[in-house]
Amino acid sequence: MAQLVALYKKPTDTKAFDDYYVSTHAPLAKTLPGLRKYEVSTGPVEVASGDSPYHLVALLDFDSLDAIQSALGSPEGQKTAGDLANFAQAGVDLLMFDTKPA
């Protein structure tokens, strides 16, 4: 298995961000080829060191790191990535890695 973690930084207008994310971006992300599971955080995103720079975390599961790269390179992936400029002006960090049971 592999996971893509999207860490969305705090936007100026959280309501507009949330509304757009739920109505437009999440449905786009759910079309990514090979996507096995899609989850998002609820409530505040906290960090141990103090104030968190993050507003929302999305967790996307795929079969492998290659599957993530393939999904991102697909037309659906390009459309989803292109949509970030429409609502994530504060920025987003994308982490991708293989996973295994601990």
N, C-alpha and C. Protein backbone atom coordinates (compact mmCIF):
# COMPACT_ATOMS: atom_id res chain seq x y z
N MET A 1 0.84 -1.18 0.00
CA MET A 1 0.00 0.00 0.00
C MET A 1 0.89 1.25 0.00
N ALA A 2 0.27 2.36 -0.38
CA ALA A 2 0.95 3.65 -0.38
C ALA A 2 -0.06 4.73 -0.06
N GLN A 3 0.43 5.85 0.43
CA GLN A 3 -0.47 6.92 0.82
C GLN A 3 0.03 8.26 0.31
N LEU A 4 -0.92 9.09 -0.10
CA LEU A 4 -0.67 10.48 -0.42
C LEU A 4 -1.34 11.28 0.69
N VAL A 5 -0.58 12.15 1.34
CA VAL A 5 -1.11 13.01 2.40
C VAL A 5 -1.05 14.44 1.89
N ALA A 6 -2.19 15.11 1.88
CA ALA A 6 -2.26 16.51 1.48
C ALA A 6 -2.50 17.34 2.74
N LEU A 7 -1.56 18.24 3.04
CA LEU A 7 -1.64 19.11 4.22
C LEU A 7 -1.97 20.52 3.74
N TYR A 8 -3.22 20.90 3.89
CA TYR A 8 -3.68 22.21 3.42
C TYR A 8 -3.45 23.26 4.50
N LYS A 9 -2.74 24.32 4.14
CA LYS A 9 -2.45 25.39 5.09
C LYS A 9 -3.70 26.25 5.31
N LYS A 10 -3.70 26.93 6.46
CA LYS A 10 -4.87 27.71 6.87
C LYS A 10 -5.17 28.83 5.87
N PRO A 11 -6.38 28.79 5.31
CA PRO A 11 -6.78 29.84 4.36
C PRO A 11 -7.27 31.08 5.11
N THR A 12 -7.36 32.17 4.40
CA THR A 12 -7.90 33.40 4.98
C THR A 12 -9.38 33.22 5.30
N ASP A 13 -10.12 32.60 4.39
CA ASP A 13 -11.56 32.39 4.56
C ASP A 13 -11.82 30.89 4.66
N THR A 14 -11.90 30.38 5.89
CA THR A 14 -12.06 28.94 6.07
C THR A 14 -13.40 28.42 5.56
N LYS A 15 -14.45 29.21 5.68
CA LYS A 15 -15.76 28.76 5.21
C LYS A 15 -15.76 28.60 3.69
N ALA A 16 -15.21 29.57 2.98
CA ALA A 16 -15.14 29.48 1.51
C ALA A 16 -14.28 28.27 1.11
N PHE A 17 -13.16 28.07 1.81
CA PHE A 17 -12.30 26.93 1.54
C PHE A 17 -13.08 25.63 1.73
N ASP A 18 -13.71 25.48 2.88
CA ASP A 18 -14.45 24.25 3.19
C ASP A 18 -15.57 23.99 2.19
N ASP A 19 -16.32 25.03 1.87
CA ASP A 19 -17.42 24.88 0.91
C ASP A 19 -16.90 24.41 -0.45
N TYR A 20 -15.83 25.03 -0.92
CA TYR A 20 -15.27 24.66 -2.22
C TYR A 20 -14.69 23.25 -2.18
N TYR A 21 -13.98 22.95 -1.11
CA TYR A 21 -13.35 21.63 -1.00
C TYR A 21 -14.40 20.53 -1.08
N VAL A 22 -15.46 20.68 -0.31
CA VAL A 22 -16.51 19.64 -0.26
C VAL A 22 -17.28 19.56 -1.58
N SER A 23 -17.60 20.69 -2.16
CA SER A 23 -18.47 20.68 -3.35
C SER A 23 -17.72 20.43 -4.65
N THR A 24 -16.44 20.81 -4.72
CA THR A 24 -15.73 20.74 -5.99
C THR A 24 -14.45 19.90 -5.95
N HIS A 25 -13.55 20.20 -5.01
CA HIS A 25 -12.25 19.53 -5.05
C HIS A 25 -12.32 18.06 -4.63
N ALA A 26 -13.01 17.75 -3.57
CA ALA A 26 -13.10 16.35 -3.13
C ALA A 26 -13.71 15.46 -4.22
N PRO A 27 -14.81 15.88 -4.86
CA PRO A 27 -15.33 15.05 -5.95
C PRO A 27 -14.31 14.84 -7.08
N LEU A 28 -13.49 15.85 -7.39
CA LEU A 28 -12.44 15.68 -8.40
C LEU A 28 -11.41 14.66 -7.93
N ALA A 29 -10.95 14.80 -6.69
CA ALA A 29 -9.93 13.89 -6.16
C ALA A 29 -10.43 12.45 -6.14
N LYS A 30 -11.71 12.26 -5.91
CA LYS A 30 -12.28 10.91 -5.85
C LYS A 30 -12.30 10.22 -7.22
N THR A 31 -11.99 10.95 -8.29
CA THR A 31 -11.95 10.35 -9.63
C THR A 31 -10.55 9.84 -9.98
N LEU A 32 -9.57 10.04 -9.10
CA LEU A 32 -8.20 9.62 -9.41
C LEU A 32 -8.15 8.11 -9.65
N PRO A 33 -7.57 7.68 -10.77
CA PRO A 33 -7.49 6.26 -11.05
C PRO A 33 -6.67 5.53 -9.99
N GLY A 34 -7.16 4.41 -9.54
CA GLY A 34 -6.44 3.59 -8.57
C GLY A 34 -6.66 3.99 -7.12
N LEU A 35 -7.44 5.03 -6.87
CA LEU A 35 -7.71 5.46 -5.50
C LEU A 35 -8.48 4.37 -4.76
N ARG A 36 -7.96 3.95 -3.61
CA ARG A 36 -8.58 2.88 -2.81
C ARG A 36 -9.40 3.43 -1.65
N LYS A 37 -8.93 4.52 -1.06
CA LYS A 37 -9.60 5.08 0.12
C LYS A 37 -9.30 6.57 0.18
N TYR A 38 -10.27 7.35 0.63
CA TYR A 38 -10.13 8.80 0.70
C TYR A 38 -10.72 9.26 2.03
N GLU A 39 -9.92 9.90 2.85
CA GLU A 39 -10.39 10.41 4.14
C GLU A 39 -9.90 11.84 4.31
N VAL A 40 -10.66 12.63 5.06
CA VAL A 40 -10.24 13.99 5.40
C VAL A 40 -10.40 14.20 6.90
N SER A 41 -9.60 15.12 7.43
CA SER A 41 -9.68 15.45 8.84
C SER A 41 -10.99 16.20 9.13
N THR A 42 -11.38 16.13 10.39
CA THR A 42 -12.53 16.90 10.85
C THR A 42 -12.07 17.71 12.06
N GLY A 43 -12.54 18.92 12.17
CA GLY A 43 -12.13 19.75 13.29
C GLY A 43 -10.73 20.30 13.09
N PRO A 44 -10.18 20.91 14.15
CA PRO A 44 -8.86 21.52 14.04
C PRO A 44 -7.76 20.49 13.80
N VAL A 45 -6.74 20.88 13.05
CA VAL A 45 -5.55 20.05 12.85
C VAL A 45 -4.51 20.61 13.82
N GLU A 46 -4.10 19.79 14.78
CA GLU A 46 -3.18 20.25 15.81
C GLU A 46 -1.79 19.66 15.61
N VAL A 47 -0.79 20.36 16.12
CA VAL A 47 0.58 19.87 16.14
C VAL A 47 1.10 19.98 17.57
N ALA A 48 2.05 19.14 17.92
CA ALA A 48 2.56 19.11 19.29
C ALA A 48 3.35 20.35 19.67
N SER A 49 3.91 21.04 18.69
CA SER A 49 4.81 22.16 18.97
C SER A 49 4.12 23.52 19.12
N GLY A 50 2.79 23.57 19.10
CA GLY A 50 2.10 24.86 19.25
C GLY A 50 1.07 25.07 18.17
N ASP A 51 1.03 26.28 17.63
CA ASP A 51 0.04 26.62 16.60
C ASP A 51 0.30 25.82 15.33
N SER A 52 -0.77 25.27 14.81
CA SER A 52 -0.68 24.50 13.57
C SER A 52 -0.85 25.41 12.36
N PRO A 53 -0.03 25.21 11.33
CA PRO A 53 -0.23 25.97 10.11
C PRO A 53 -1.28 25.34 9.20
N TYR A 54 -1.84 24.19 9.63
CA TYR A 54 -2.72 23.42 8.75
C TYR A 54 -4.19 23.55 9.12
N HIS A 55 -5.01 23.57 8.08
CA HIS A 55 -6.46 23.65 8.24
C HIS A 55 -7.13 22.30 7.99
N LEU A 56 -6.63 21.54 7.02
CA LEU A 56 -7.26 20.28 6.64
C LEU A 56 -6.20 19.30 6.17
N VAL A 57 -6.42 18.02 6.47
CA VAL A 57 -5.53 16.96 6.01
C VAL A 57 -6.37 15.96 5.22
N ALA A 58 -5.91 15.60 4.03
CA ALA A 58 -6.56 14.58 3.23
C ALA A 58 -5.62 13.39 3.11
N LEU A 59 -6.17 12.18 3.29
CA LEU A 59 -5.40 10.93 3.21
C LEU A 59 -5.96 10.11 2.06
N LEU A 60 -5.12 9.84 1.07
CA LEU A 60 -5.55 9.08 -0.10
C LEU A 60 -4.70 7.81 -0.19
N ASP A 61 -5.35 6.66 -0.20
CA ASP A 61 -4.66 5.38 -0.26
C ASP A 61 -4.68 4.79 -1.66
N PHE A 62 -3.53 4.25 -2.05
CA PHE A 62 -3.35 3.60 -3.34
C PHE A 62 -2.60 2.28 -3.12
N ASP A 63 -2.50 1.48 -4.17
CA ASP A 63 -1.79 0.20 -4.07
C ASP A 63 -0.29 0.35 -3.94
N SER A 64 0.29 1.41 -4.53
CA SER A 64 1.74 1.58 -4.53
C SER A 64 2.09 3.04 -4.83
N LEU A 65 3.35 3.37 -4.60
CA LEU A 65 3.84 4.70 -4.94
C LEU A 65 3.74 4.92 -6.45
N ASP A 66 4.02 3.88 -7.23
CA ASP A 66 3.86 3.98 -8.68
C ASP A 66 2.41 4.30 -9.06
N ALA A 67 1.45 3.72 -8.34
CA ALA A 67 0.03 3.99 -8.61
C ALA A 67 -0.31 5.45 -8.32
N ILE A 68 0.30 6.01 -7.27
CA ILE A 68 0.08 7.44 -6.97
C ILE A 68 0.62 8.29 -8.11
N GLN A 69 1.85 8.01 -8.53
CA GLN A 69 2.47 8.79 -9.61
C GLN A 69 1.65 8.69 -10.90
N SER A 70 1.16 7.49 -11.17
CA SER A 70 0.33 7.29 -12.36
C SER A 70 -0.96 8.08 -12.26
N ALA A 71 -1.59 8.05 -11.08
CA ALA A 71 -2.84 8.79 -10.88
C ALA A 71 -2.62 10.28 -11.06
N LEU A 72 -1.53 10.80 -10.49
CA LEU A 72 -1.25 12.23 -10.61
C LEU A 72 -0.94 12.64 -12.04
N GLY A 73 -0.38 11.74 -12.82
CA GLY A 73 -0.07 12.04 -14.21
C GLY A 73 -1.23 11.85 -15.17
N SER A 74 -2.30 11.27 -14.68
CA SER A 74 -3.48 11.02 -15.52
C SER A 74 -4.24 12.32 -15.79
N PRO A 75 -5.16 12.30 -16.77
CA PRO A 75 -5.98 13.50 -16.99
C PRO A 75 -6.76 13.91 -15.74
N GLU A 76 -7.27 12.94 -14.98
CA GLU A 76 -8.00 13.25 -13.74
C GLU A 76 -7.06 13.88 -12.71
N GLY A 77 -5.83 13.37 -12.65
CA GLY A 77 -4.85 13.92 -11.73
C GLY A 77 -4.45 15.33 -12.10
N GLN A 78 -4.28 15.58 -13.39
CA GLN A 78 -3.94 16.93 -13.85
C GLN A 78 -5.07 17.91 -13.56
N LYS A 79 -6.30 17.46 -13.74
CA LYS A 79 -7.47 18.31 -13.45
C LYS A 79 -7.56 18.61 -11.95
N THR A 80 -7.32 17.59 -11.13
CA THR A 80 -7.37 17.77 -9.69
C THR A 80 -6.26 18.70 -9.23
N ALA A 81 -5.04 18.51 -9.72
CA ALA A 81 -3.92 19.38 -9.36
C ALA A 81 -4.16 20.81 -9.82
N GLY A 82 -4.71 20.97 -11.01
CA GLY A 82 -5.00 22.30 -11.53
C GLY A 82 -6.05 23.04 -10.72
N ASP A 83 -6.91 22.29 -10.04
CA ASP A 83 -7.97 22.89 -9.23
C ASP A 83 -7.43 23.52 -7.95
N LEU A 84 -6.24 23.13 -7.51
CA LEU A 84 -5.69 23.66 -6.25
C LEU A 84 -5.61 25.18 -6.26
N ALA A 85 -5.29 25.77 -7.39
CA ALA A 85 -5.17 27.22 -7.48
C ALA A 85 -6.50 27.93 -7.24
N ASN A 86 -7.61 27.20 -7.37
CA ASN A 86 -8.93 27.79 -7.20
C ASN A 86 -9.35 27.97 -5.75
N PHE A 87 -8.66 27.31 -4.80
CA PHE A 87 -9.10 27.41 -3.41
C PHE A 87 -7.97 27.30 -2.38
N ALA A 88 -6.82 26.78 -2.75
CA ALA A 88 -5.75 26.53 -1.78
C ALA A 88 -4.64 27.58 -1.91
N GLN A 89 -5.03 28.85 -1.89
CA GLN A 89 -4.06 29.93 -2.07
C GLN A 89 -3.02 29.97 -0.95
N ALA A 90 -3.36 29.46 0.24
CA ALA A 90 -2.41 29.46 1.36
C ALA A 90 -1.33 28.39 1.18
N GLY A 91 -1.59 27.45 0.29
CA GLY A 91 -0.61 26.41 -0.01
C GLY A 91 -1.02 25.04 0.49
N VAL A 92 -0.40 24.04 -0.10
CA VAL A 92 -0.63 22.65 0.28
C VAL A 92 0.68 21.90 0.14
N ASP A 93 0.98 21.07 1.14
CA ASP A 93 2.15 20.19 1.08
C ASP A 93 1.66 18.79 0.77
N LEU A 94 2.28 18.14 -0.22
CA LEU A 94 1.91 16.78 -0.59
C LEU A 94 3.04 15.83 -0.20
N LEU A 95 2.70 14.82 0.58
CA LEU A 95 3.65 13.79 0.99
C LEU A 95 3.18 12.48 0.37
N MET A 96 4.10 11.70 -0.18
CA MET A 96 3.75 10.40 -0.80
C MET A 96 4.75 9.37 -0.32
N PHE A 97 4.25 8.20 0.08
CA PHE A 97 5.14 7.18 0.60
C PHE A 97 4.46 5.82 0.58
N ASP A 98 5.29 4.78 0.54
CA ASP A 98 4.81 3.42 0.69
C ASP A 98 4.52 3.16 2.16
N THR A 99 3.59 2.27 2.43
CA THR A 99 3.25 1.93 3.81
C THR A 99 3.30 0.42 4.00
N LYS A 100 3.39 0.02 5.27
CA LYS A 100 3.35 -1.40 5.63
C LYS A 100 2.77 -1.50 7.04
N PRO A 101 2.19 -2.63 7.37
CA PRO A 101 1.68 -2.78 8.74
C PRO A 101 2.84 -2.65 9.74
N ALA A 102 2.59 -2.02 10.83
CA ALA A 102 3.63 -1.83 11.85
C ALA A 102 3.75 -3.06 12.74
